[in-house]
Protein backbone atom coordinates (compact mmCIF):
# COMPACT_ATOMS: atom_id res chain seq x y z
CA UNK A 1 108.09 79.66 125.91
CA UNK A 2 109.08 80.90 122.49
CA UNK A 3 109.52 84.55 121.64
CA UNK A 4 107.76 85.91 118.58
CA UNK A 5 108.19 89.22 116.87
CA UNK A 6 105.19 90.84 115.25
CA UNK A 7 106.00 92.95 112.24
CA UNK A 8 104.02 94.75 109.58
CA UNK A 9 104.32 93.82 105.93
CA UNK A 10 103.01 95.89 103.00
CA UNK A 11 101.11 93.70 100.53
CA UNK A 12 98.92 94.28 97.44
CA UNK A 13 95.24 94.07 98.33
CA UNK A 14 93.14 95.09 95.33
CA UNK A 15 92.87 97.06 92.10
CA UNK A 16 90.60 100.09 92.43
CA UNK A 17 89.16 102.66 90.07
CA UNK A 18 89.96 106.28 90.99
CA UNK A 19 86.45 106.91 92.33
CA UNK A 20 86.88 104.02 94.81
CA UNK A 21 89.94 105.51 96.51
CA UNK A 22 89.80 107.17 99.92
CA UNK A 23 92.11 109.61 101.63
CA UNK A 24 94.71 107.66 103.58
CA UNK A 25 94.83 104.75 101.11
CA UNK A 26 98.24 103.46 100.09
CA UNK A 27 98.59 103.04 96.32
CA UNK A 28 101.37 102.06 93.96
CA UNK A 29 102.39 104.56 91.31
CA UNK A 30 105.32 103.45 89.21
CA UNK A 31 107.68 101.74 91.65
CA UNK A 32 106.60 103.81 94.69
CA UNK A 33 103.96 103.21 97.33
CA UNK A 34 102.39 106.57 98.24
CA UNK A 35 99.59 107.79 100.49
CA UNK A 36 96.47 109.40 99.00
CA UNK A 37 95.92 112.79 100.65
CA UNK A 38 93.30 114.37 98.39
CA UNK A 39 90.96 113.22 95.61
CA UNK A 40 89.00 115.33 93.15
CA UNK A 41 87.54 115.00 89.66
CA UNK A 42 86.57 117.14 86.71
CA UNK A 43 82.90 118.05 86.22
CA UNK A 44 82.08 114.90 84.24
CA UNK A 45 84.13 112.58 86.54
CA UNK A 46 86.11 111.42 83.51
CA UNK A 47 89.44 112.50 84.96
CA UNK A 48 90.45 112.12 88.59
CA UNK A 49 93.19 114.09 90.31
CA UNK A 50 94.90 112.20 93.10
CA UNK A 51 97.27 114.15 95.35
CA UNK A 52 99.78 111.89 97.07
CA UNK A 53 102.54 112.08 99.64
CA UNK A 54 105.57 109.79 99.59
CA UNK A 55 107.66 108.50 102.49
CA UNK A 56 109.77 111.69 102.41
CA UNK A 57 106.73 113.96 102.67
CA UNK A 58 106.95 115.10 99.05
CA UNK A 59 103.56 115.78 97.47
CA UNK A 60 102.62 115.15 93.85
CA UNK A 61 99.35 115.15 91.90
CA UNK A 62 98.55 112.44 89.37
CA UNK A 63 95.74 112.36 86.83
CA UNK A 64 93.84 109.13 86.18
CA UNK A 65 91.09 108.38 83.68
CA UNK A 66 87.99 106.87 85.29
CA UNK A 67 88.65 103.50 83.59
CA UNK A 68 92.17 103.06 84.99
CA UNK A 69 92.91 100.59 87.78
CA UNK A 70 95.19 101.58 90.63
CA UNK A 71 96.92 99.00 92.88
CA UNK A 72 95.86 99.35 96.53
CA UNK A 73 98.28 98.20 99.26
CA UNK A 74 97.66 97.42 102.93
CA UNK A 75 99.77 96.51 105.93
CA UNK A 76 99.28 93.08 107.46
CA UNK A 77 100.71 91.84 110.73
CA UNK A 78 103.07 88.89 110.47
CA UNK A 79 104.72 86.79 113.15
CA UNK A 80 108.38 85.94 112.87
C-alpha cells in the first residue's frame, strides 16, 4: 500500500470583471493573492471599490473600473 499526501495548491482559475466578484474570492493584485472582504460601487457602477485582506490580516481598498479584468485564484487538491 502506498502512502499519498493530499495538499492544496493555489492556481489561477479565471479573469473576472469587478461586478462578478464575491466576498471570499481570492484575487491577484500586483504580486499578492488577497481575499475579497467587501465590494461596493459608485452610483453608476463605473468604479468598483474592492476591500481586501492579505495573509497578514492587513486590509486595503482598491478601485477598479468596470472594464478591468481581475485574476481569480482557487485552491485545488493535489496528491503527492
